[in-house]
């Protein structure tokens, strides 16, 4: 037997509590959203003693954008302004990957599909992450160029390489030493961006596709 309920208690309908003059989002919907965002954070962000490590996984980030847009559309139909503000505050880590424009996640940079020259590609990433030293993958090595090469020759004692690839200064390390190099730079309060060759994208023309893979951000003192 169904018991009568007060209209003021609202009606459960499609993820909302419908009341006479307004809508509320069901608590179950909010709980699911928080759980999904927590899973994304666990996948993309790792907090360490000296730094925060951000993993730039394209498929995961695209899924995150879609999830955020879907839940935002659901929330905006209800009286949820404070809830949306709380969500943005709790998920501040998202701002590393995206800008917020009218409540939606917008990539901070879009990598062009084709670069004609390696130097053009390198400086795209260097300007995008200008605060960081780039570990720029060239085959089985990470190379450093121009001003950054000069810094690392002095800071880490790396051996200069002959000028080439369109750059004035060059030095590099084996990929297997990349983690150790990143750790030393972070210990010196220097952010690190790892730019890896992108095997997921077809290489149709120009230089080999590359993408930002990992960002090491020293913790603010």
N, C-alpha and C. Protein backbone atom coordinates (compact mmCIF):
# COMPACT_ATOMS: atom_id res chain seq x y z
N UNK A 1 0.85 -1.19 0.00
CA UNK A 1 0.00 0.00 0.00
C UNK A 1 0.89 1.25 0.00
N UNK A 2 0.60 2.18 -0.88
CA UNK A 2 1.39 3.40 -0.99
C UNK A 2 0.86 4.42 0.00
N UNK A 3 1.78 4.96 0.81
CA UNK A 3 1.39 5.96 1.80
C UNK A 3 1.39 7.35 1.16
N UNK A 4 0.46 8.18 1.49
CA UNK A 4 0.44 9.55 0.95
C UNK A 4 1.62 10.35 1.49
N UNK A 5 2.13 11.28 0.67
CA UNK A 5 3.25 12.14 1.07
C UNK A 5 2.85 13.59 0.88
N UNK A 6 3.48 14.44 1.68
CA UNK A 6 3.25 15.87 1.54
C UNK A 6 3.89 16.37 0.25
N UNK A 7 3.18 17.25 -0.45
CA UNK A 7 3.73 17.84 -1.67
C UNK A 7 5.03 18.59 -1.37
N UNK A 8 5.09 19.20 -0.20
CA UNK A 8 6.29 19.98 0.16
C UNK A 8 7.54 19.12 0.27
N UNK A 9 7.38 17.80 0.43
CA UNK A 9 8.54 16.91 0.49
C UNK A 9 9.15 16.65 -0.87
N UNK A 10 8.39 16.97 -1.92
CA UNK A 10 8.90 16.81 -3.26
C UNK A 10 8.67 15.43 -3.84
N UNK A 11 8.87 15.33 -5.16
CA UNK A 11 8.70 14.08 -5.89
C UNK A 11 10.02 13.71 -6.54
N UNK A 12 10.43 12.46 -6.38
CA UNK A 12 11.65 11.95 -6.98
C UNK A 12 11.40 11.71 -8.47
N UNK A 13 12.12 12.46 -9.34
CA UNK A 13 11.88 12.33 -10.77
C UNK A 13 13.16 12.62 -11.55
N UNK A 14 13.67 11.61 -12.25
CA UNK A 14 14.81 11.75 -13.16
C UNK A 14 16.02 12.44 -12.52
N UNK A 15 16.37 12.02 -11.32
CA UNK A 15 17.55 12.57 -10.68
C UNK A 15 17.34 13.88 -9.95
N UNK A 16 16.10 14.32 -9.86
CA UNK A 16 15.77 15.55 -9.14
C UNK A 16 14.73 15.26 -8.06
N UNK A 17 14.68 16.15 -7.09
CA UNK A 17 13.55 16.22 -6.16
C UNK A 17 12.72 17.42 -6.60
N UNK A 18 11.54 17.15 -7.13
CA UNK A 18 10.69 18.20 -7.68
C UNK A 18 9.78 18.71 -6.56
N UNK A 19 9.94 19.99 -6.24
CA UNK A 19 9.09 20.64 -5.25
C UNK A 19 8.23 21.69 -5.95
N UNK A 20 7.22 22.19 -5.27
CA UNK A 20 6.24 23.05 -5.97
C UNK A 20 6.85 24.20 -6.76
N UNK A 21 7.91 24.82 -6.25
CA UNK A 21 8.42 26.01 -6.91
C UNK A 21 9.89 25.92 -7.30
N UNK A 22 10.52 24.79 -7.12
CA UNK A 22 11.92 24.66 -7.49
C UNK A 22 12.32 23.19 -7.55
N UNK A 23 13.54 22.94 -8.11
CA UNK A 23 14.10 21.59 -8.21
C UNK A 23 15.34 21.49 -7.34
N UNK A 24 15.57 20.32 -6.78
CA UNK A 24 16.81 20.00 -6.09
C UNK A 24 17.43 18.77 -6.75
N UNK A 25 18.75 18.71 -6.72
CA UNK A 25 19.44 17.53 -7.25
C UNK A 25 19.42 16.43 -6.19
N UNK A 26 19.13 15.22 -6.63
CA UNK A 26 19.10 14.11 -5.69
C UNK A 26 20.47 13.90 -5.07
N UNK A 27 20.51 13.55 -3.80
CA UNK A 27 21.77 13.31 -3.11
C UNK A 27 22.55 12.18 -3.78
N UNK A 28 21.85 11.18 -4.28
CA UNK A 28 22.53 10.07 -4.93
C UNK A 28 23.31 10.52 -6.16
N UNK A 29 22.75 11.49 -6.91
CA UNK A 29 23.43 12.03 -8.08
C UNK A 29 24.72 12.75 -7.66
N UNK A 30 24.62 13.54 -6.59
CA UNK A 30 25.79 14.27 -6.09
C UNK A 30 26.86 13.30 -5.61
N UNK A 31 26.46 12.24 -4.92
CA UNK A 31 27.40 11.24 -4.43
C UNK A 31 28.13 10.56 -5.58
N UNK A 32 27.39 10.22 -6.63
CA UNK A 32 28.02 9.59 -7.79
C UNK A 32 29.01 10.54 -8.48
N UNK A 33 28.63 11.81 -8.57
CA UNK A 33 29.52 12.80 -9.19
C UNK A 33 30.82 12.91 -8.39
N UNK A 34 30.71 13.03 -7.08
CA UNK A 34 31.91 13.14 -6.26
C UNK A 34 32.80 11.90 -6.40
N UNK A 35 32.18 10.73 -6.49
CA UNK A 35 32.94 9.49 -6.63
C UNK A 35 33.66 9.45 -7.98
N UNK A 36 33.00 9.89 -9.04
CA UNK A 36 33.63 9.89 -10.35
C UNK A 36 34.78 10.88 -10.42
N UNK A 37 34.60 12.06 -9.83
CA UNK A 37 35.68 13.05 -9.83
C UNK A 37 36.85 12.56 -9.01
N UNK A 38 36.59 11.85 -7.92
CA UNK A 38 37.66 11.29 -7.10
C UNK A 38 38.46 10.26 -7.90
N UNK A 39 37.77 9.46 -8.72
CA UNK A 39 38.47 8.47 -9.55
C UNK A 39 39.33 9.15 -10.60
N UNK A 40 38.82 10.22 -11.20
CA UNK A 40 39.63 10.97 -12.17
C UNK A 40 40.87 11.56 -11.49
N UNK A 41 40.68 12.13 -10.32
CA UNK A 41 41.82 12.72 -9.61
C UNK A 41 42.85 11.66 -9.28
N UNK A 42 42.40 10.50 -8.83
CA UNK A 42 43.32 9.41 -8.51
C UNK A 42 44.11 8.97 -9.74
N UNK A 43 43.46 9.01 -10.89
CA UNK A 43 44.10 8.58 -12.14
C UNK A 43 45.10 9.62 -12.65
N UNK A 44 44.78 10.90 -12.50
CA UNK A 44 45.54 11.96 -13.17
C UNK A 44 46.51 12.70 -12.26
N UNK A 45 46.29 12.67 -10.95
CA UNK A 45 47.08 13.51 -10.04
C UNK A 45 47.66 12.65 -8.92
N UNK A 46 48.95 12.83 -8.68
CA UNK A 46 49.60 12.14 -7.56
C UNK A 46 50.35 13.16 -6.72
N UNK A 47 50.02 13.23 -5.45
CA UNK A 47 50.66 14.17 -4.55
C UNK A 47 51.85 13.49 -3.88
N UNK A 48 53.03 14.08 -4.03
CA UNK A 48 54.23 13.59 -3.37
C UNK A 48 54.74 14.64 -2.40
N UNK A 49 55.77 14.28 -1.67
CA UNK A 49 56.26 15.18 -0.62
C UNK A 49 56.77 16.49 -1.21
N UNK A 50 57.50 16.42 -2.32
CA UNK A 50 58.12 17.61 -2.89
C UNK A 50 57.36 18.21 -4.06
N UNK A 51 56.42 17.46 -4.62
CA UNK A 51 55.78 17.95 -5.84
C UNK A 51 54.43 17.29 -6.05
N UNK A 52 53.68 17.85 -7.00
CA UNK A 52 52.46 17.24 -7.49
C UNK A 52 52.73 16.78 -8.91
N UNK A 53 52.39 15.52 -9.20
CA UNK A 53 52.63 14.95 -10.52
C UNK A 53 51.29 14.86 -11.26
N UNK A 54 51.23 15.49 -12.44
CA UNK A 54 50.01 15.49 -13.25
C UNK A 54 50.24 14.63 -14.49
N UNK A 55 49.38 13.67 -14.71
CA UNK A 55 49.46 12.79 -15.88
C UNK A 55 48.49 13.30 -16.96
N UNK A 56 49.03 13.65 -18.10
CA UNK A 56 48.21 14.17 -19.20
C UNK A 56 47.83 13.02 -20.13
N UNK A 57 46.82 12.27 -19.73
CA UNK A 57 46.32 11.15 -20.53
C UNK A 57 45.15 11.64 -21.37
N UNK A 58 45.34 11.68 -22.67
CA UNK A 58 44.35 12.31 -23.56
C UNK A 58 42.97 11.69 -23.42
N UNK A 59 42.88 10.36 -23.42
CA UNK A 59 41.58 9.70 -23.37
C UNK A 59 40.87 9.98 -22.04
N UNK A 60 41.64 9.95 -20.95
CA UNK A 60 41.06 10.21 -19.63
C UNK A 60 40.59 11.65 -19.51
N UNK A 61 41.37 12.58 -20.04
CA UNK A 61 41.00 13.99 -19.98
C UNK A 61 39.76 14.27 -20.83
N UNK A 62 39.63 13.60 -21.97
CA UNK A 62 38.44 13.79 -22.79
C UNK A 62 37.22 13.22 -22.09
N UNK A 63 37.39 12.09 -21.42
CA UNK A 63 36.29 11.51 -20.64
C UNK A 63 35.89 12.44 -19.50
N UNK A 64 36.88 13.04 -18.86
CA UNK A 64 36.62 13.99 -17.77
C UNK A 64 35.80 15.18 -18.27
N UNK A 65 36.18 15.72 -19.42
CA UNK A 65 35.43 16.85 -19.99
C UNK A 65 33.97 16.49 -20.23
N UNK A 66 33.76 15.30 -20.80
CA UNK A 66 32.40 14.86 -21.11
C UNK A 66 31.58 14.66 -19.83
N UNK A 67 32.20 14.06 -18.82
CA UNK A 67 31.52 13.84 -17.55
C UNK A 67 31.15 15.17 -16.90
N UNK A 68 32.10 16.10 -16.89
CA UNK A 68 31.86 17.41 -16.29
C UNK A 68 30.71 18.12 -17.00
N UNK A 69 30.72 18.10 -18.33
CA UNK A 69 29.67 18.78 -19.10
C UNK A 69 28.30 18.15 -18.84
N UNK A 70 28.27 16.82 -18.76
CA UNK A 70 27.00 16.12 -18.53
C UNK A 70 26.41 16.47 -17.17
N UNK A 71 27.25 16.39 -16.13
CA UNK A 71 26.74 16.69 -14.78
C UNK A 71 26.42 18.18 -14.63
N UNK A 72 27.20 19.04 -15.28
CA UNK A 72 26.90 20.47 -15.18
C UNK A 72 25.52 20.76 -15.78
N UNK A 73 25.22 20.14 -16.92
CA UNK A 73 23.92 20.34 -17.54
C UNK A 73 22.81 19.87 -16.60
N UNK A 74 23.05 18.76 -15.92
CA UNK A 74 22.05 18.24 -14.98
C UNK A 74 21.87 19.20 -13.80
N UNK A 75 23.00 19.68 -13.27
CA UNK A 75 22.94 20.54 -12.09
C UNK A 75 22.30 21.88 -12.39
N UNK A 76 22.56 22.43 -13.57
CA UNK A 76 22.05 23.77 -13.87
C UNK A 76 20.53 23.81 -14.04
N UNK A 77 19.91 22.66 -14.21
CA UNK A 77 18.45 22.62 -14.28
C UNK A 77 17.80 22.80 -12.92
N UNK A 78 18.60 22.63 -11.85
CA UNK A 78 18.07 22.70 -10.49
C UNK A 78 18.59 23.94 -9.76
N UNK A 79 18.10 24.15 -8.56
CA UNK A 79 18.62 25.21 -7.70
C UNK A 79 19.92 24.70 -7.06
N UNK A 80 21.03 24.93 -7.76
CA UNK A 80 22.27 24.27 -7.35
C UNK A 80 23.49 25.19 -7.41
N UNK A 81 23.28 26.50 -7.34
CA UNK A 81 24.41 27.42 -7.48
C UNK A 81 25.50 27.14 -6.45
N UNK A 82 25.13 26.99 -5.20
CA UNK A 82 26.13 26.72 -4.15
C UNK A 82 26.78 25.36 -4.35
N UNK A 83 26.01 24.40 -4.80
CA UNK A 83 26.57 23.07 -5.06
C UNK A 83 27.62 23.13 -6.16
N UNK A 84 27.34 23.88 -7.22
CA UNK A 84 28.30 24.01 -8.32
C UNK A 84 29.56 24.74 -7.87
N UNK A 85 29.41 25.76 -7.05
CA UNK A 85 30.58 26.46 -6.52
C UNK A 85 31.43 25.53 -5.66
N UNK A 86 30.77 24.72 -4.85
CA UNK A 86 31.49 23.76 -4.00
C UNK A 86 32.24 22.75 -4.85
N UNK A 87 31.61 22.29 -5.93
CA UNK A 87 32.26 21.32 -6.82
C UNK A 87 33.53 21.90 -7.42
N UNK A 88 33.45 23.13 -7.91
CA UNK A 88 34.63 23.77 -8.51
C UNK A 88 35.73 23.92 -7.46
N UNK A 89 35.36 24.29 -6.24
CA UNK A 89 36.34 24.46 -5.17
C UNK A 89 37.00 23.14 -4.80
N UNK A 90 36.22 22.08 -4.69
CA UNK A 90 36.74 20.76 -4.31
C UNK A 90 37.61 20.15 -5.41
N UNK A 91 37.35 20.53 -6.64
CA UNK A 91 38.07 19.95 -7.78
C UNK A 91 39.02 20.97 -8.39
N UNK A 92 39.70 21.73 -7.55
CA UNK A 92 40.59 22.78 -8.04
C UNK A 92 41.72 22.20 -8.90
N UNK A 93 42.09 20.92 -8.70
CA UNK A 93 43.14 20.28 -9.49
C UNK A 93 42.81 20.28 -10.98
N UNK A 94 41.52 20.36 -11.31
CA UNK A 94 41.11 20.35 -12.72
C UNK A 94 41.69 21.54 -13.46
N UNK A 95 41.91 22.65 -12.74
CA UNK A 95 42.40 23.87 -13.39
C UNK A 95 43.81 23.71 -13.94
N UNK A 96 44.55 22.71 -13.50
CA UNK A 96 45.86 22.46 -14.12
C UNK A 96 45.69 22.07 -15.58
N UNK A 97 44.66 21.29 -15.87
CA UNK A 97 44.45 20.77 -17.22
C UNK A 97 43.57 21.67 -18.08
N UNK A 98 42.62 22.34 -17.45
CA UNK A 98 41.59 23.07 -18.20
C UNK A 98 41.38 24.46 -17.64
N UNK A 99 40.90 25.34 -18.51
CA UNK A 99 40.33 26.61 -18.07
C UNK A 99 38.82 26.42 -17.93
N UNK A 100 38.22 27.16 -17.03
CA UNK A 100 36.78 27.12 -16.86
C UNK A 100 36.15 28.31 -17.58
N UNK A 101 35.32 28.02 -18.57
CA UNK A 101 34.63 29.06 -19.32
C UNK A 101 33.14 28.77 -19.30
N UNK A 102 32.41 29.65 -18.61
CA UNK A 102 30.97 29.48 -18.44
C UNK A 102 30.64 28.11 -17.84
N UNK A 103 31.49 27.69 -16.93
CA UNK A 103 31.27 26.44 -16.23
C UNK A 103 31.75 25.20 -16.95
N UNK A 104 32.23 25.32 -18.17
CA UNK A 104 32.69 24.17 -18.95
C UNK A 104 34.22 24.12 -18.96
N UNK A 105 34.75 22.92 -19.15
CA UNK A 105 36.20 22.71 -19.19
C UNK A 105 36.70 22.91 -20.61
N UNK A 106 37.67 23.82 -20.76
CA UNK A 106 38.24 24.13 -22.07
C UNK A 106 39.74 23.88 -22.00
N UNK A 107 40.30 23.09 -22.93
CA UNK A 107 41.75 22.82 -22.90
C UNK A 107 42.55 24.12 -22.91
N UNK A 108 43.62 24.13 -22.13
CA UNK A 108 44.46 25.33 -22.06
C UNK A 108 45.30 25.52 -23.32
N UNK A 109 45.50 24.48 -24.07
CA UNK A 109 46.23 24.58 -25.34
C UNK A 109 45.83 23.40 -26.22
N UNK A 110 45.80 23.64 -27.52
CA UNK A 110 45.53 22.59 -28.49
C UNK A 110 46.77 22.39 -29.34
N UNK A 111 47.32 21.20 -29.31
CA UNK A 111 48.55 20.92 -30.05
C UNK A 111 48.21 20.81 -31.54
N UNK A 112 48.84 21.62 -32.40
CA UNK A 112 48.59 21.49 -33.84
C UNK A 112 48.91 20.08 -34.34
N UNK A 113 48.16 19.57 -35.29
CA UNK A 113 48.39 18.19 -35.75
C UNK A 113 49.71 18.00 -36.47
N UNK A 114 50.23 19.06 -37.09
CA UNK A 114 51.45 18.93 -37.88
C UNK A 114 52.36 20.13 -37.61
N UNK A 115 53.64 19.83 -37.39
CA UNK A 115 54.69 20.85 -37.32
C UNK A 115 55.67 20.59 -38.46
N UNK A 116 56.07 21.63 -39.16
CA UNK A 116 56.99 21.45 -40.28
C UNK A 116 58.41 21.17 -39.80
N UNK A 117 58.77 21.80 -38.66
CA UNK A 117 60.15 21.66 -38.16
C UNK A 117 60.14 21.30 -36.68
N UNK A 118 61.19 20.59 -36.27
CA UNK A 118 61.31 20.19 -34.87
C UNK A 118 61.39 21.41 -33.96
N UNK A 119 62.11 22.44 -34.38
CA UNK A 119 62.27 23.63 -33.56
C UNK A 119 60.93 24.31 -33.33
N UNK A 120 60.09 24.34 -34.34
CA UNK A 120 58.75 24.92 -34.19
C UNK A 120 57.93 24.14 -33.16
N UNK A 121 58.02 22.82 -33.24
CA UNK A 121 57.29 21.97 -32.29
C UNK A 121 57.82 22.17 -30.87
N UNK A 122 59.13 22.18 -30.72
CA UNK A 122 59.73 22.35 -29.40
C UNK A 122 59.29 23.66 -28.76
N UNK A 123 59.33 24.75 -29.52
CA UNK A 123 58.99 26.04 -28.92
C UNK A 123 57.49 26.20 -28.67
N UNK A 124 56.66 25.42 -29.35
CA UNK A 124 55.25 25.41 -28.98
C UNK A 124 55.10 24.93 -27.54
N UNK A 125 55.73 23.81 -27.21
CA UNK A 125 55.63 23.27 -25.85
C UNK A 125 56.39 24.16 -24.85
N UNK A 126 57.53 24.70 -25.27
CA UNK A 126 58.32 25.56 -24.37
C UNK A 126 57.54 26.82 -24.01
N UNK A 127 56.80 27.39 -24.95
CA UNK A 127 56.00 28.58 -24.66
C UNK A 127 54.75 28.23 -23.87
N UNK A 128 54.16 27.08 -24.13
CA UNK A 128 52.97 26.64 -23.39
C UNK A 128 53.31 26.40 -21.93
N UNK A 129 54.39 25.71 -21.67
CA UNK A 129 54.82 25.43 -20.30
C UNK A 129 56.13 26.17 -20.03
N UNK A 130 56.05 27.49 -20.12
CA UNK A 130 57.25 28.31 -20.04
C UNK A 130 57.91 28.26 -18.67
N UNK A 131 57.16 27.86 -17.64
CA UNK A 131 57.74 27.78 -16.30
C UNK A 131 58.57 26.53 -16.08
N UNK A 132 58.52 25.59 -17.04
CA UNK A 132 59.10 24.26 -16.81
C UNK A 132 60.30 23.99 -17.72
N UNK A 133 61.17 23.10 -17.24
CA UNK A 133 62.19 22.49 -18.08
C UNK A 133 61.53 21.35 -18.85
N UNK A 134 61.77 21.28 -20.16
CA UNK A 134 61.18 20.22 -20.97
C UNK A 134 62.13 19.04 -21.09
N UNK A 135 61.61 17.85 -20.80
CA UNK A 135 62.29 16.61 -21.16
C UNK A 135 61.68 16.20 -22.49
N UNK A 136 62.38 16.51 -23.58
CA UNK A 136 61.83 16.42 -24.93
C UNK A 136 62.36 15.15 -25.59
N UNK A 137 61.47 14.18 -25.83
CA UNK A 137 61.91 12.87 -26.31
C UNK A 137 62.33 12.91 -27.76
N UNK A 138 63.53 12.38 -27.99
CA UNK A 138 64.05 12.14 -29.33
C UNK A 138 64.52 10.69 -29.35
N UNK A 139 63.65 9.81 -29.81
CA UNK A 139 64.00 8.39 -29.80
C UNK A 139 64.19 7.87 -28.39
N UNK A 140 65.39 7.36 -28.10
CA UNK A 140 65.68 6.79 -26.78
C UNK A 140 66.32 7.80 -25.84
N UNK A 141 66.22 9.08 -26.18
CA UNK A 141 66.85 10.12 -25.36
C UNK A 141 65.85 11.24 -25.07
N UNK A 142 66.15 11.99 -24.00
CA UNK A 142 65.52 13.29 -23.76
C UNK A 142 66.55 14.35 -24.07
N UNK A 143 66.19 15.31 -24.90
CA UNK A 143 67.13 16.37 -25.25
C UNK A 143 66.65 17.72 -24.72
N UNK A 144 67.61 18.62 -24.52
CA UNK A 144 67.35 19.98 -24.05
C UNK A 144 68.01 20.94 -25.03
N UNK A 145 67.37 22.09 -25.25
CA UNK A 145 67.84 22.97 -26.31
C UNK A 145 67.96 24.42 -25.83
N UNK A 146 68.86 25.12 -26.50
CA UNK A 146 69.05 26.56 -26.34
C UNK A 146 69.17 26.97 -24.87
N UNK A 147 68.34 27.90 -24.40
CA UNK A 147 68.50 28.43 -23.04
C UNK A 147 68.38 27.34 -21.99
N UNK A 148 67.46 26.39 -22.18
CA UNK A 148 67.30 25.32 -21.21
C UNK A 148 68.52 24.40 -21.20
N UNK A 149 69.09 24.16 -22.36
CA UNK A 149 70.31 23.35 -22.42
C UNK A 149 71.43 24.02 -21.62
N UNK A 150 71.57 25.34 -21.79
CA UNK A 150 72.60 26.06 -21.04
C UNK A 150 72.40 25.94 -19.54
N UNK A 151 71.15 26.03 -19.08
CA UNK A 151 70.86 25.90 -17.64
C UNK A 151 71.25 24.53 -17.12
N UNK A 152 70.93 23.48 -17.88
CA UNK A 152 71.18 22.13 -17.39
C UNK A 152 72.64 21.73 -17.50
N UNK A 153 73.34 22.29 -18.45
CA UNK A 153 74.79 22.04 -18.52
C UNK A 153 75.45 22.55 -17.24
N UNK A 154 74.99 23.72 -16.76
CA UNK A 154 75.54 24.26 -15.52
C UNK A 154 74.98 23.61 -14.28
N UNK A 155 73.68 23.32 -14.26
CA UNK A 155 73.03 22.81 -13.06
C UNK A 155 73.31 21.33 -12.81
N UNK A 156 73.25 20.53 -13.87
CA UNK A 156 73.41 19.07 -13.72
C UNK A 156 74.73 18.55 -14.26
N UNK A 157 75.52 19.43 -14.85
CA UNK A 157 76.81 19.00 -15.37
C UNK A 157 76.70 18.14 -16.61
N UNK A 158 75.67 18.36 -17.44
CA UNK A 158 75.51 17.56 -18.65
C UNK A 158 76.52 17.99 -19.70
N UNK A 159 76.92 17.03 -20.51
CA UNK A 159 77.90 17.31 -21.56
C UNK A 159 77.23 17.96 -22.76
N UNK A 160 77.75 19.09 -23.23
CA UNK A 160 77.15 19.74 -24.41
C UNK A 160 77.28 18.84 -25.64
N UNK A 161 76.26 18.90 -26.48
CA UNK A 161 76.30 18.22 -27.77
C UNK A 161 76.55 19.23 -28.87
N UNK A 162 76.97 18.74 -30.02
CA UNK A 162 77.20 19.62 -31.15
C UNK A 162 75.88 20.27 -31.57
N UNK A 163 75.93 21.55 -31.91
CA UNK A 163 74.73 22.25 -32.33
C UNK A 163 74.10 21.54 -33.52
N UNK A 164 72.78 21.50 -33.54
CA UNK A 164 72.08 20.82 -34.63
C UNK A 164 70.58 20.90 -34.44
N UNK A 165 69.82 20.32 -35.36
CA UNK A 165 68.37 20.33 -35.36
C UNK A 165 67.79 21.74 -35.36
N UNK A 166 68.62 22.73 -35.72
CA UNK A 166 68.15 24.11 -35.75
C UNK A 166 68.38 24.86 -34.45
N UNK A 167 69.04 24.22 -33.46
CA UNK A 167 69.26 24.84 -32.15
C UNK A 167 70.73 25.19 -31.98
N UNK A 168 70.99 26.25 -31.17
CA UNK A 168 72.35 26.67 -30.91
C UNK A 168 73.04 25.81 -29.87
N UNK A 169 72.36 25.50 -28.77
CA UNK A 169 72.91 24.67 -27.71
C UNK A 169 72.07 23.40 -27.57
N UNK A 170 72.73 22.28 -27.29
CA UNK A 170 72.05 21.01 -27.10
C UNK A 170 72.75 20.20 -26.02
N UNK A 171 71.96 19.43 -25.27
CA UNK A 171 72.49 18.40 -24.40
C UNK A 171 71.38 17.39 -24.19
N UNK A 172 71.69 16.25 -23.61
CA UNK A 172 70.65 15.25 -23.47
C UNK A 172 71.03 14.15 -22.50
N UNK A 173 70.04 13.30 -22.22
CA UNK A 173 70.22 12.16 -21.33
C UNK A 173 69.46 10.97 -21.91
N UNK A 174 69.82 9.78 -21.47
CA UNK A 174 69.07 8.59 -21.84
C UNK A 174 67.69 8.64 -21.19
N UNK A 175 66.70 8.06 -21.87
CA UNK A 175 65.34 8.04 -21.31
C UNK A 175 65.32 7.37 -19.94
N UNK A 176 66.14 6.36 -19.74
CA UNK A 176 66.12 5.66 -18.45
C UNK A 176 66.57 6.55 -17.30
N UNK A 177 67.22 7.67 -17.61
CA UNK A 177 67.63 8.62 -16.57
C UNK A 177 66.65 9.77 -16.40
N UNK A 178 65.54 9.74 -17.14
CA UNK A 178 64.59 10.84 -17.09
C UNK A 178 63.99 11.06 -15.72
N UNK A 179 63.60 9.97 -15.06
CA UNK A 179 62.99 10.07 -13.72
C UNK A 179 63.99 10.69 -12.74
N UNK A 180 65.25 10.24 -12.80
CA UNK A 180 66.27 10.78 -11.90
C UNK A 180 66.51 12.26 -12.17
N UNK A 181 66.55 12.64 -13.44
CA UNK A 181 66.74 14.04 -13.81
C UNK A 181 65.58 14.89 -13.30
N UNK A 182 64.35 14.41 -13.49
CA UNK A 182 63.18 15.16 -13.03
C UNK A 182 63.23 15.36 -11.53
N UNK A 183 63.61 14.32 -10.79
CA UNK A 183 63.72 14.42 -9.34
C UNK A 183 64.73 15.49 -8.92
N UNK A 184 65.85 15.55 -9.57
CA UNK A 184 66.87 16.53 -9.22
C UNK A 184 66.39 17.95 -9.51
N UNK A 185 65.68 18.13 -10.61
CA UNK A 185 65.17 19.45 -10.93
C UNK A 185 64.09 19.88 -9.95
N UNK A 186 63.19 18.97 -9.61
CA UNK A 186 62.14 19.29 -8.64
C UNK A 186 62.75 19.64 -7.29
N UNK A 187 63.81 18.93 -6.90
CA UNK A 187 64.49 19.23 -5.64
C UNK A 187 65.05 20.65 -5.64
N UNK A 188 65.32 21.19 -6.85
CA UNK A 188 65.79 22.57 -6.99
C UNK A 188 64.65 23.54 -7.27
N UNK A 189 63.39 23.10 -7.01
CA UNK A 189 62.19 23.93 -7.16
C UNK A 189 61.92 24.31 -8.60
N UNK A 190 62.30 23.43 -9.54
CA UNK A 190 62.09 23.70 -10.97
C UNK A 190 61.03 22.75 -11.50
N UNK A 191 59.92 23.25 -12.05
CA UNK A 191 58.91 22.38 -12.66
C UNK A 191 59.49 21.64 -13.87
N UNK A 192 58.94 20.49 -14.15
CA UNK A 192 59.41 19.65 -15.27
C UNK A 192 58.21 19.20 -16.10
N UNK A 193 58.33 19.32 -17.41
CA UNK A 193 57.30 18.83 -18.33
C UNK A 193 57.92 17.78 -19.24
N UNK A 194 57.34 16.59 -19.27
CA UNK A 194 57.84 15.50 -20.09
C UNK A 194 57.06 15.49 -21.40
N UNK A 195 57.76 15.69 -22.50
CA UNK A 195 57.14 15.71 -23.83
C UNK A 195 57.55 14.43 -24.55
N UNK A 196 56.62 13.50 -24.68
CA UNK A 196 56.93 12.21 -25.28
C UNK A 196 56.44 12.13 -26.72
N UNK A 197 57.11 11.28 -27.49
CA UNK A 197 56.63 10.97 -28.83
C UNK A 197 55.28 10.28 -28.72
N UNK A 198 54.35 10.70 -29.55
CA UNK A 198 52.96 10.23 -29.46
C UNK A 198 52.72 9.15 -30.50
N UNK A 199 52.70 7.90 -30.05
CA UNK A 199 52.50 6.78 -30.98
C UNK A 199 51.03 6.55 -31.29
N UNK A 200 50.12 7.24 -30.56
CA UNK A 200 48.69 7.05 -30.80
C UNK A 200 48.18 7.85 -31.99
N UNK A 201 48.94 8.85 -32.40
CA UNK A 201 48.51 9.68 -33.53
C UNK A 201 49.26 9.29 -34.78
N UNK A 202 48.59 9.24 -35.94
CA UNK A 202 49.28 8.89 -37.18
C UNK A 202 50.31 9.97 -37.56
N UNK A 203 51.44 9.53 -38.07
CA UNK A 203 52.50 10.45 -38.49
C UNK A 203 52.35 10.63 -40.00
N UNK A 204 51.62 11.68 -40.40
CA UNK A 204 51.28 11.87 -41.80
C UNK A 204 52.28 12.75 -42.52
N UNK A 205 52.80 13.76 -41.83
CA UNK A 205 53.72 14.71 -42.45
C UNK A 205 54.44 15.47 -41.35
N UNK A 206 55.48 16.22 -41.75
CA UNK A 206 56.22 17.01 -40.76
C UNK A 206 57.00 16.15 -39.80
N UNK A 207 57.23 16.69 -38.59
CA UNK A 207 58.01 15.97 -37.59
C UNK A 207 57.09 15.02 -36.82
N UNK A 208 57.69 14.09 -36.11
CA UNK A 208 56.94 13.08 -35.37
C UNK A 208 56.03 13.75 -34.34
N UNK A 209 54.76 13.30 -34.23
CA UNK A 209 53.86 13.89 -33.24
C UNK A 209 54.38 13.68 -31.81
N UNK A 210 54.19 14.70 -30.98
CA UNK A 210 54.56 14.61 -29.58
C UNK A 210 53.45 15.22 -28.73
N UNK A 211 53.45 14.85 -27.45
CA UNK A 211 52.40 15.35 -26.55
C UNK A 211 52.97 15.49 -25.15
N UNK A 212 52.41 16.42 -24.40
CA UNK A 212 52.74 16.55 -22.98
C UNK A 212 52.22 15.31 -22.26
N UNK A 213 53.12 14.57 -21.61
CA UNK A 213 52.74 13.32 -20.95
C UNK A 213 52.62 13.48 -19.44
N UNK A 214 53.60 14.14 -18.82
CA UNK A 214 53.64 14.27 -17.37
C UNK A 214 54.16 15.65 -17.01
N UNK A 215 53.59 16.23 -15.98
CA UNK A 215 54.05 17.52 -15.45
C UNK A 215 54.39 17.33 -13.98
N UNK A 216 55.61 17.69 -13.60
CA UNK A 216 56.05 17.66 -12.20
C UNK A 216 56.05 19.09 -11.69
N UNK A 217 55.18 19.39 -10.74
CA UNK A 217 55.04 20.75 -10.21
C UNK A 217 55.49 20.80 -8.75
N UNK A 218 56.60 21.45 -8.43
CA UNK A 218 57.04 21.53 -7.03
C UNK A 218 55.97 22.14 -6.15
N UNK A 219 55.85 21.62 -4.94
CA UNK A 219 54.88 22.12 -3.99
C UNK A 219 55.31 23.50 -3.52
N UNK A 220 54.37 24.45 -3.49
CA UNK A 220 54.67 25.81 -3.05
C UNK A 220 55.09 25.79 -1.59
N UNK A 221 56.14 26.52 -1.29
CA UNK A 221 56.65 26.58 0.08
C UNK A 221 55.86 27.64 0.85
